[in-house]
């Protein structure tokens, strides 16, 4: 492989940084298999709701997940294909 000065991996590095936190990686891994609301996520992880919400906000701001409102609940799902691929590789 040659090194190309024109190659830019900023977006990929940003995703890796966000997924580098164990809690966020667990959240994304779980959301790859099933859409969930915040209550289900924090109950599964055994973490405070505020902590999970902060991680979800960061994942959403970085374009890794999206929330879909259903009445008063918001269901989250992974929408970034690279994040899905990274988690898939880690789980195999």
PDB file of N, CA and C in Angstrom:
ATOM      1  N   UNK A   1       0.848  -1.183   0.000  1.00  0.00           N
ATOM      2  CA  UNK A   1       0.000   0.000   0.000  1.00  0.00           C
ATOM      3  C   UNK A   1       0.887   1.237   0.000  1.00  0.00           C
ATOM      4  N   UNK A   2       0.574   2.146  -0.855  1.00  0.00           N
ATOM      5  CA  UNK A   2       1.279   3.423  -0.876  1.00  0.00           C
ATOM      6  C   UNK A   2       0.576   4.408   0.050  1.00  0.00           C
ATOM      7  N   UNK A   3       1.337   5.341   0.549  1.00  0.00           N
ATOM      8  CA  UNK A   3       0.776   6.390   1.395  1.00  0.00           C
ATOM      9  C   UNK A   3       0.398   7.570   0.518  1.00  0.00           C
ATOM     10  N   UNK A   4      -0.839   7.931   0.577  1.00  0.00           N
ATOM     11  CA  UNK A   4      -1.378   9.000  -0.254  1.00  0.00           C
ATOM     12  C   UNK A   4      -1.655  10.216   0.623  1.00  0.00           C
ATOM     13  N   UNK A   5      -0.986  11.325   0.314  1.00  0.00           N
ATOM     14  CA  UNK A   5      -1.190  12.552   1.084  1.00  0.00           C
ATOM     15  C   UNK A   5      -2.614  13.074   0.963  1.00  0.00           C
ATOM     16  N   UNK A   6      -3.300  12.695  -0.089  1.00  0.00           N
ATOM     17  CA  UNK A   6      -4.646  13.191  -0.331  1.00  0.00           C
ATOM     18  C   UNK A   6      -5.718  12.443   0.464  1.00  0.00           C
ATOM     19  N   UNK A   7      -5.363  11.261   0.979  1.00  0.00           N
ATOM     20  CA  UNK A   7      -6.346  10.493   1.745  1.00  0.00           C
ATOM     21  C   UNK A   7      -6.640  11.192   3.063  1.00  0.00           C
ATOM     22  N   UNK A   8      -7.907  11.299   3.376  1.00  0.00           N
ATOM     23  CA  UNK A   8      -8.332  11.971   4.589  1.00  0.00           C
ATOM     24  C   UNK A   8      -9.221  11.014   5.374  1.00  0.00           C
ATOM     25  N   UNK A   9      -8.824  10.697   6.573  1.00  0.00           N
ATOM     26  CA  UNK A   9      -9.572   9.760   7.403  1.00  0.00           C
ATOM     27  C   UNK A   9     -10.208  10.454   8.603  1.00  0.00           C
ATOM     28  N   UNK A  10     -10.490  11.742   8.496  1.00  0.00           N
ATOM     29  CA  UNK A  10     -11.044  12.480   9.626  1.00  0.00           C
ATOM     30  C   UNK A  10     -12.382  11.915  10.093  1.00  0.00           C
ATOM     31  N   UNK A  11     -13.284  11.648   9.169  1.00  0.00           N
ATOM     32  CA  UNK A  11     -14.607  11.132   9.540  1.00  0.00           C
ATOM     33  C   UNK A  11     -14.486   9.751  10.186  1.00  0.00           C
ATOM     34  N   UNK A  12     -13.652   8.907   9.616  1.00  0.00           N
ATOM     35  CA  UNK A  12     -13.457   7.562  10.156  1.00  0.00           C
ATOM     36  C   UNK A  12     -12.819   7.616  11.551  1.00  0.00           C
ATOM     37  N   UNK A  13     -11.835   8.484  11.714  1.00  0.00           N
ATOM     38  CA  UNK A  13     -11.177   8.629  13.013  1.00  0.00           C
ATOM     39  C   UNK A  13     -12.158   9.143  14.056  1.00  0.00           C
ATOM     40  N   UNK A  14     -13.045  10.043  13.646  1.00  0.00           N
ATOM     41  CA  UNK A  14     -14.052  10.583  14.559  1.00  0.00           C
ATOM     42  C   UNK A  14     -14.983   9.469  15.047  1.00  0.00           C
ATOM     43  N   UNK A  15     -15.411   8.603  14.142  1.00  0.00           N
ATOM     44  CA  UNK A  15     -16.277   7.490  14.530  1.00  0.00           C
ATOM     45  C   UNK A  15     -15.544   6.558  15.480  1.00  0.00           C
ATOM     46  N   UNK A  16     -14.286   6.265  15.181  1.00  0.00           N
ATOM     47  CA  UNK A  16     -13.503   5.391  16.056  1.00  0.00           C
ATOM     48  C   UNK A  16     -13.335   5.993  17.451  1.00  0.00           C
ATOM     49  N   UNK A  17     -13.142   7.312  17.528  1.00  0.00           N
ATOM     50  CA  UNK A  17     -13.017   7.973  18.833  1.00  0.00           C
ATOM     51  C   UNK A  17     -14.292   7.817  19.643  1.00  0.00           C
ATOM     52  N   UNK A  18     -15.423   8.039  18.985  1.00  0.00           N
ATOM     53  CA  UNK A  18     -16.713   7.940  19.685  1.00  0.00           C
ATOM     54  C   UNK A  18     -16.964   6.503  20.138  1.00  0.00           C
ATOM     55  N   UNK A  19     -16.658   5.539  19.279  1.00  0.00           N
ATOM     56  CA  UNK A  19     -16.873   4.134  19.628  1.00  0.00           C
ATOM     57  C   UNK A  19     -15.810   3.603  20.588  1.00  0.00           C
ATOM     58  N   UNK A  20     -14.777   4.395  20.858  1.00  0.00           N
ATOM     59  CA  UNK A  20     -13.706   3.976  21.745  1.00  0.00           C
ATOM     60  C   UNK A  20     -14.095   3.917  23.209  1.00  0.00           C
ATOM     61  N   UNK A  21     -15.264   4.423  23.556  1.00  0.00           N
ATOM     62  CA  UNK A  21     -15.735   4.355  24.941  1.00  0.00           C
ATOM     63  C   UNK A  21     -16.563   3.082  25.108  1.00  0.00           C
ATOM     64  N   UNK A  22     -16.277   2.271  26.135  1.00  0.00           N
ATOM     65  CA  UNK A  22     -16.975   0.994  26.288  1.00  0.00           C
ATOM     66  C   UNK A  22     -18.502   1.101  26.360  1.00  0.00           C
ATOM     67  N   UNK A  23     -19.013   2.109  27.041  1.00  0.00           N
ATOM     68  CA  UNK A  23     -20.471   2.251  27.154  1.00  0.00           C
ATOM     69  C   UNK A  23     -21.083   2.570  25.794  1.00  0.00           C
ATOM     70  N   UNK A  24     -20.469   3.483  25.062  1.00  0.00           N
ATOM     71  CA  UNK A  24     -21.004   3.819  23.740  1.00  0.00           C
ATOM     72  C   UNK A  24     -20.909   2.626  22.789  1.00  0.00           C
ATOM     73  N   UNK A  25     -19.837   1.870  22.904  1.00  0.00           N
ATOM     74  CA  UNK A  25     -19.698   0.679  22.068  1.00  0.00           C
ATOM     75  C   UNK A  25     -20.784  -0.339  22.398  1.00  0.00           C
ATOM     76  N   UNK A  26     -21.084  -0.523  23.669  1.00  0.00           N
ATOM     77  CA  UNK A  26     -22.171  -1.425  24.076  1.00  0.00           C
ATOM     78  C   UNK A  26     -23.514  -0.938  23.536  1.00  0.00           C
ATOM     79  N   UNK A  27     -23.751   0.369  23.627  1.00  0.00           N
ATOM     80  CA  UNK A  27     -25.009   0.931  23.137  1.00  0.00           C
ATOM     81  C   UNK A  27     -25.154   0.682  21.642  1.00  0.00           C
ATOM     82  N   UNK A  28     -24.109   0.987  20.886  1.00  0.00           N
ATOM     83  CA  UNK A  28     -24.169   0.817  19.432  1.00  0.00           C
ATOM     84  C   UNK A  28     -24.318  -0.658  19.077  1.00  0.00           C
ATOM     85  N   UNK A  29     -23.610  -1.530  19.771  1.00  0.00           N
ATOM     86  CA  UNK A  29     -23.731  -2.971  19.506  1.00  0.00           C
ATOM     87  C   UNK A  29     -25.165  -3.437  19.741  1.00  0.00           C
ATOM     88  N   UNK A  30     -25.757  -2.978  20.823  1.00  0.00           N
ATOM     89  CA  UNK A  30     -27.151  -3.346  21.106  1.00  0.00           C
ATOM     90  C   UNK A  30     -28.120  -2.785  20.088  1.00  0.00           C
ATOM     91  N   UNK A  31     -27.895  -1.541  19.683  1.00  0.00           N
ATOM     92  CA  UNK A  31     -28.798  -0.900  18.732  1.00  0.00           C
ATOM     93  C   UNK A  31     -28.634  -1.432  17.312  1.00  0.00           C
ATOM     94  N   UNK A  32     -27.515  -2.092  17.039  1.00  0.00           N
ATOM     95  CA  UNK A  32     -27.348  -2.714  15.716  1.00  0.00           C
ATOM     96  C   UNK A  32     -28.329  -3.867  15.524  1.00  0.00           C
ATOM     97  N   UNK A  33     -28.720  -4.494  16.634  1.00  0.00           N
ATOM     98  CA  UNK A  33     -29.622  -5.631  16.516  1.00  0.00           C
ATOM     99  C   UNK A  33     -31.076  -5.274  16.768  1.00  0.00           C
ATOM    100  N   UNK A  34     -31.330  -4.171  17.484  1.00  0.00           N
ATOM    101  CA  UNK A  34     -32.714  -3.837  17.824  1.00  0.00           C
ATOM    102  C   UNK A  34     -32.847  -2.366  18.180  1.00  0.00           C
ATOM    103  N   UNK A  35     -33.886  -1.719  17.653  1.00  0.00           N
ATOM    104  CA  UNK A  35     -34.194  -0.346  18.066  1.00  0.00           C
ATOM    105  C   UNK A  35     -34.672  -0.378  19.513  1.00  0.00           C
ATOM    106  N   UNK A  36     -34.241   0.600  20.302  1.00  0.00           N
ATOM    107  CA  UNK A  36     -34.626   0.641  21.711  1.00  0.00           C
ATOM    108  C   UNK A  36     -34.875   2.065  22.158  1.00  0.00           C
ATOM    109  N   UNK A  37     -35.661   2.195  23.221  1.00  0.00           N
ATOM    110  CA  UNK A  37     -35.813   3.501  23.843  1.00  0.00           C
ATOM    111  C   UNK A  37     -34.789   3.633  24.966  1.00  0.00           C
ATOM    112  N   UNK A  38     -34.632   4.831  25.467  1.00  0.00           N
ATOM    113  CA  UNK A  38     -33.586   5.095  26.460  1.00  0.00           C
ATOM    114  C   UNK A  38     -33.806   4.279  27.724  1.00  0.00           C
ATOM    115  N   UNK A  39     -35.052   4.080  28.122  1.00  0.00           N
ATOM    116  CA  UNK A  39     -35.334   3.320  29.344  1.00  0.00           C
ATOM    117  C   UNK A  39     -34.846   1.884  29.204  1.00  0.00           C
ATOM    118  N   UNK A  40     -35.117   1.269  28.090  1.00  0.00           N
ATOM    119  CA  UNK A  40     -34.671  -0.112  27.870  1.00  0.00           C
ATOM    120  C   UNK A  40     -33.140  -0.188  27.892  1.00  0.00           C
ATOM    121  N   UNK A  41     -32.497   0.801  27.291  1.00  0.00           N
ATOM    122  CA  UNK A  41     -31.030   0.804  27.239  1.00  0.00           C
ATOM    123  C   UNK A  41     -30.441   0.912  28.637  1.00  0.00           C
ATOM    124  N   UNK A  42     -30.919   1.883  29.436  1.00  0.00           N
ATOM    125  CA  UNK A  42     -30.311   2.032  30.764  1.00  0.00           C
ATOM    126  C   UNK A  42     -30.649   0.883  31.683  1.00  0.00           C
ATOM    127  N   UNK A  43     -31.806   0.266  31.496  1.00  0.00           N
ATOM    128  CA  UNK A  43     -32.122  -0.914  32.303  1.00  0.00           C
ATOM    129  C   UNK A  43     -31.190  -2.082  31.946  1.00  0.00           C
ATOM    130  N   UNK A  44     -30.943  -2.279  30.663  1.00  0.00           N
ATOM    131  CA  UNK A  44     -30.055  -3.372  30.220  1.00  0.00           C
ATOM    132  C   UNK A  44     -28.620  -3.156  30.680  1.00  0.00           C
ATOM    133  N   UNK A  45     -28.166  -1.912  30.631  1.00  0.00           N
ATOM    134  CA  UNK A  45     -26.778  -1.614  30.998  1.00  0.00           C
ATOM    135  C   UNK A  45     -26.581  -1.430  32.500  1.00  0.00           C
ATOM    136  N   UNK A  46     -27.684  -1.193  33.227  1.00  0.00           N
ATOM    137  CA  UNK A  46     -27.568  -0.952  34.666  1.00  0.00           C
ATOM    138  C   UNK A  46     -26.907   0.367  34.994  1.00  0.00           C
ATOM    139  N   UNK A  47     -27.121   1.351  34.127  1.00  0.00           N
ATOM    140  CA  UNK A  47     -26.531   2.676  34.319  1.00  0.00           C
ATOM    141  C   UNK A  47     -27.637   3.702  34.565  1.00  0.00           C
ATOM    142  N   UNK A  48     -27.288   4.834  35.184  1.00  0.00           N
ATOM    143  CA  UNK A  48     -28.291   5.884  35.373  1.00  0.00           C
ATOM    144  C   UNK A  48     -28.793   6.428  34.034  1.00  0.00           C
ATOM    145  N   UNK A  49     -30.037   6.827  34.026  1.00  0.00           N
ATOM    146  CA  UNK A  49     -30.665   7.354  32.812  1.00  0.00           C
ATOM    147  C   UNK A  49     -29.893   8.557  32.275  1.00  0.00           C
ATOM    148  N   UNK A  50     -29.422   9.422  33.151  1.00  0.00           N
ATOM    149  CA  UNK A  50     -28.700  10.622  32.716  1.00  0.00           C
ATOM    150  C   UNK A  50     -27.405  10.255  31.986  1.00  0.00           C
ATOM    151  N   UNK A  51     -26.719   9.235  32.469  1.00  0.00           N
ATOM    152  CA  UNK A  51     -25.471   8.793  31.831  1.00  0.00           C
ATOM    153  C   UNK A  51     -25.742   8.269  30.429  1.00  0.00           C
ATOM    154  N   UNK A  52     -26.758   7.424  30.310  1.00  0.00           N
ATOM    155  CA  UNK A  52     -27.111   6.859  29.003  1.00  0.00           C
ATOM    156  C   UNK A  52     -27.546   7.967  28.056  1.00  0.00           C
ATOM    157  N   UNK A  53     -28.321   8.913  28.546  1.00  0.00           N
ATOM    158  CA  UNK A  53     -28.780  10.020  27.697  1.00  0.00           C
ATOM    159  C   UNK A  53     -27.614  10.847  27.169  1.00  0.00           C
ATOM    160  N   UNK A  54     -26.596  11.056  27.989  1.00  0.00           N
ATOM    161  CA  UNK A  54     -25.422  11.804  27.538  1.00  0.00           C
ATOM    162  C   UNK A  54     -24.697  11.052  26.423  1.00  0.00           C
ATOM    163  N   UNK A  55     -24.553   9.759  26.580  1.00  0.00           N
ATOM    164  CA  UNK A  55     -23.898   8.956  25.539  1.00  0.00           C
ATOM    165  C   UNK A  55     -24.737   8.936  24.258  1.00  0.00           C
ATOM    166  N   UNK A  56     -26.043   8.809  24.400  1.00  0.00           N
ATOM    167  CA  UNK A  56     -26.921   8.818  23.229  1.00  0.00           C
ATOM    168  C   UNK A  56     -26.837  10.153  22.492  1.00  0.00           C
ATOM    169  N   UNK A  57     -26.775  11.248  23.242  1.00  0.00           N
ATOM    170  CA  UNK A  57     -26.677  12.572  22.624  1.00  0.00           C
ATOM    171  C   UNK A  57     -25.400  12.695  21.799  1.00  0.00           C
ATOM    172  N   UNK A  58     -24.297  12.200  22.324  1.00  0.00           N
ATOM    173  CA  UNK A  58     -23.033  12.260  21.588  1.00  0.00           C
ATOM    174  C   UNK A  58     -23.093  11.396  20.332  1.00  0.00           C
ATOM    175  N   UNK A  59     -23.622  10.181  20.464  1.00  0.00           N
ATOM    176  CA  UNK A  59     -23.756   9.295  19.302  1.00  0.00           C
ATOM    177  C   UNK A  59     -24.656   9.918  18.237  1.00  0.00           C
ATOM    178  N   UNK A  60     -25.697  10.575  18.681  1.00  0.00           N
ATOM    179  CA  UNK A  60     -26.623  11.232  17.743  1.00  0.00           C
ATOM    180  C   UNK A  60     -25.947  12.423  17.068  1.00  0.00           C
ATOM    181  N   UNK A  61     -25.234  13.225  17.843  1.00  0.00           N
ATOM    182  CA  UNK A  61     -24.553  14.401  17.286  1.00  0.00           C
ATOM    183  C   UNK A  61     -23.472  14.030  16.279  1.00  0.00           C
ATOM    184  N   UNK A  62     -22.871  12.860  16.453  1.00  0.00           N
ATOM    185  CA  UNK A  62     -21.821  12.403  15.541  1.00  0.00           C
ATOM    186  C   UNK A  62     -22.400  11.642  14.343  1.00  0.00           C
ATOM    187  N   UNK A  63     -23.730  11.524  14.274  1.00  0.00           N
ATOM    188  CA  UNK A  63     -24.366  10.890  13.128  1.00  0.00           C
ATOM    189  C   UNK A  63     -24.295   9.371  13.115  1.00  0.00           C
ATOM    190  N   UNK A  64     -24.098   8.780  14.281  1.00  0.00           N
ATOM    191  CA  UNK A  64     -24.004   7.326  14.357  1.00  0.00           C
ATOM    192  C   UNK A  64     -25.377   6.702  14.583  1.00  0.00           C
ATOM    193  N   UNK A  65     -26.217   7.375  15.374  1.00  0.00           N
ATOM    194  CA  UNK A  65     -27.574   6.888  15.618  1.00  0.00           C
ATOM    195  C   UNK A  65     -28.568   7.995  15.303  1.00  0.00           C
ATOM    196  N   UNK A  66     -29.826   7.595  15.174  1.00  0.00           N
ATOM    197  CA  UNK A  66     -30.921   8.546  15.030  1.00  0.00           C
ATOM    198  C   UNK A  66     -32.058   8.100  15.923  1.00  0.00           C
ATOM    199  N   UNK A  67     -32.820   9.068  16.376  1.00  0.00           N
ATOM    200  CA  UNK A  67     -33.988   8.774  17.201  1.00  0.00           C
ATOM    201  C   UNK A  67     -35.260   8.970  16.407  1.00  0.00           C
ATOM    202  N   UNK A  68     -36.202   8.078  16.639  1.00  0.00           N
ATOM    203  CA  UNK A  68     -37.495   8.158  15.976  1.00  0.00           C
ATOM    204  C   UNK A  68     -38.562   8.227  17.062  1.00  0.00           C
ATOM    205  N   UNK A  69     -39.338   9.308  17.065  1.00  0.00           N
ATOM    206  CA  UNK A  69     -40.342   9.516  18.095  1.00  0.00           C
ATOM    207  C   UNK A  69     -41.569   8.651  17.821  1.00  0.00           C
ATOM    208  N   UNK A  70     -42.048   8.009  18.903  1.00  0.00           N
ATOM    209  CA  UNK A  70     -43.285   7.233  18.855  1.00  0.00           C
ATOM    210  C   UNK A  70     -44.085   7.624  20.082  1.00  0.00           C
ATOM    211  N   UNK A  71     -44.967   8.600  19.918  1.00  0.00           N
ATOM    212  CA  UNK A  71     -45.698   9.147  21.062  1.00  0.00           C
ATOM    213  C   UNK A  71     -44.749   9.918  21.949  1.00  0.00           C
ATOM    214  N   UNK A  72     -44.648   9.513  23.213  1.00  0.00           N
ATOM    215  CA  UNK A  72     -43.749  10.204  24.145  1.00  0.00           C
ATOM    216  C   UNK A  72     -42.368   9.562  24.191  1.00  0.00           C
ATOM    217  N   UNK A  73     -42.210   8.410  23.543  1.00  0.00           N
ATOM    218  CA  UNK A  73     -40.929   7.715  23.562  1.00  0.00           C
ATOM    219  C   UNK A  73     -40.131   7.988  22.289  1.00  0.00           C
ATOM    220  N   UNK A  74     -38.818   7.904  22.431  1.00  0.00           N
ATOM    221  CA  UNK A  74     -37.913   8.003  21.288  1.00  0.00           C
ATOM    222  C   UNK A  74     -37.174   6.683  21.183  1.00  0.00           C
ATOM    223  N   UNK A  75     -37.247   6.066  20.009  1.00  0.00           N
ATOM    224  CA  UNK A  75     -36.547   4.809  19.764  1.00  0.00           C
ATOM    225  C   UNK A  75     -35.313   5.095  18.924  1.00  0.00           C
ATOM    226  N   UNK A  76     -34.187   4.576  19.376  1.00  0.00           N
ATOM    227  CA  UNK A  76     -32.909   4.837  18.726  1.00  0.00           C
ATOM    228  C   UNK A  76     -32.482   3.642  17.883  1.00  0.00           C
ATOM    229  N   UNK A  77     -31.803   3.940  16.777  1.00  0.00           N
ATOM    230  CA  UNK A  77     -31.271   2.914  15.890  1.00  0.00           C
ATOM    231  C   UNK A  77     -29.968   3.417  15.291  1.00  0.00           C
ATOM    232  N   UNK A  78     -29.074   2.499  14.952  1.00  0.00           N
ATOM    233  CA  UNK A  78     -27.808   2.845  14.304  1.00  0.00           C
ATOM    234  C   UNK A  78     -28.098   3.107  12.837  1.00  0.00           C
ATOM    235  N   UNK A  79     -27.645   4.255  12.343  1.00  0.00           N
ATOM    236  CA  UNK A  79     -27.868   4.617  10.942  1.00  0.00           C
ATOM    237  C   UNK A  79     -26.573   4.769  10.157  1.00  0.00           C
ATOM    238  N   UNK A  80     -25.454   4.781  10.845  1.00  0.00           N
ATOM    239  CA  UNK A  80     -24.166   4.956  10.180  1.00  0.00           C
ATOM    240  C   UNK A  80     -23.622   3.596   9.743  1.00  0.00           C
ATOM    241  N   UNK A  81     -23.480   3.373   8.429  1.00  0.00           N
ATOM    242  CA  UNK A  81     -23.025   2.070   7.962  1.00  0.00           C
ATOM    243  C   UNK A  81     -21.613   1.697   8.428  1.00  0.00           C
ATOM    244  N   UNK A  82     -20.722   2.673   8.546  1.00  0.00           N
ATOM    245  CA  UNK A  82     -19.368   2.376   9.005  1.00  0.00           C
ATOM    246  C   UNK A  82     -19.377   1.917  10.467  1.00  0.00           C
ATOM    247  N   UNK A  83     -20.173   2.564  11.287  1.00  0.00           N
ATOM    248  CA  UNK A  83     -20.276   2.157  12.693  1.00  0.00           C
ATOM    249  C   UNK A  83     -20.826   0.738  12.789  1.00  0.00           C
ATOM    250  N   UNK A  84     -21.822   0.431  11.972  1.00  0.00           N
ATOM    251  CA  UNK A  84     -22.372  -0.931  11.947  1.00  0.00           C
ATOM    252  C   UNK A  84     -21.304  -1.940  11.553  1.00  0.00           C
ATOM    253  N   UNK A  85     -20.525  -1.594  10.550  1.00  0.00           N
ATOM    254  CA  UNK A  85     -19.480  -2.501  10.062  1.00  0.00           C
ATOM    255  C   UNK A  85     -18.406  -2.715  11.132  1.00  0.00           C
ATOM    256  N   UNK A  86     -18.017  -1.663  11.817  1.00  0.00           N
ATOM    257  CA  UNK A  86     -17.003  -1.763  12.875  1.00  0.00           C
ATOM    258  C   UNK A  86     -17.482  -2.690  13.990  1.00  0.00           C
ATOM    259  N   UNK A  87     -18.720  -2.490  14.425  1.00  0.00           N
ATOM    260  CA  UNK A  87     -19.266  -3.326  15.501  1.00  0.00           C
ATOM    261  C   UNK A  87     -19.378  -4.771  15.026  1.00  0.00           C
ATOM    262  N   UNK A  88     -19.805  -4.966  13.792  1.00  0.00           N
ATOM    263  CA  UNK A  88     -19.923  -6.317  13.250  1.00  0.00           C
ATOM    264  C   UNK A  88     -18.573  -7.021  13.260  1.00  0.00           C
ATOM    265  N   UNK A  89     -17.538  -6.314  12.866  1.00  0.00           N
ATOM    266  CA  UNK A  89     -16.187  -6.886  12.855  1.00  0.00           C
ATOM    267  C   UNK A  89     -15.743  -7.235  14.274  1.00  0.00           C
ATOM    268  N   UNK A  90     -16.036  -6.355  15.223  1.00  0.00           N
ATOM    269  CA  UNK A  90     -15.642  -6.598  16.617  1.00  0.00           C
ATOM    270  C   UNK A  90     -16.363  -7.789  17.233  1.00  0.00           C
ATOM    271  N   UNK A  91     -17.581  -8.040  16.781  1.00  0.00           N
ATOM    272  CA  UNK A  91     -18.379  -9.121  17.356  1.00  0.00           C
ATOM    273  C   UNK A  91     -18.143 -10.469  16.701  1.00  0.00           C
ATOM    274  N   UNK A  92     -17.363 -10.500  15.618  1.00  0.00           N
ATOM    275  CA  UNK A  92     -17.125 -11.786  14.949  1.00  0.00           C
ATOM    276  C   UNK A  92     -15.788 -12.366  15.329  1.00  0.00           C
TER     277      UNK A  92
END
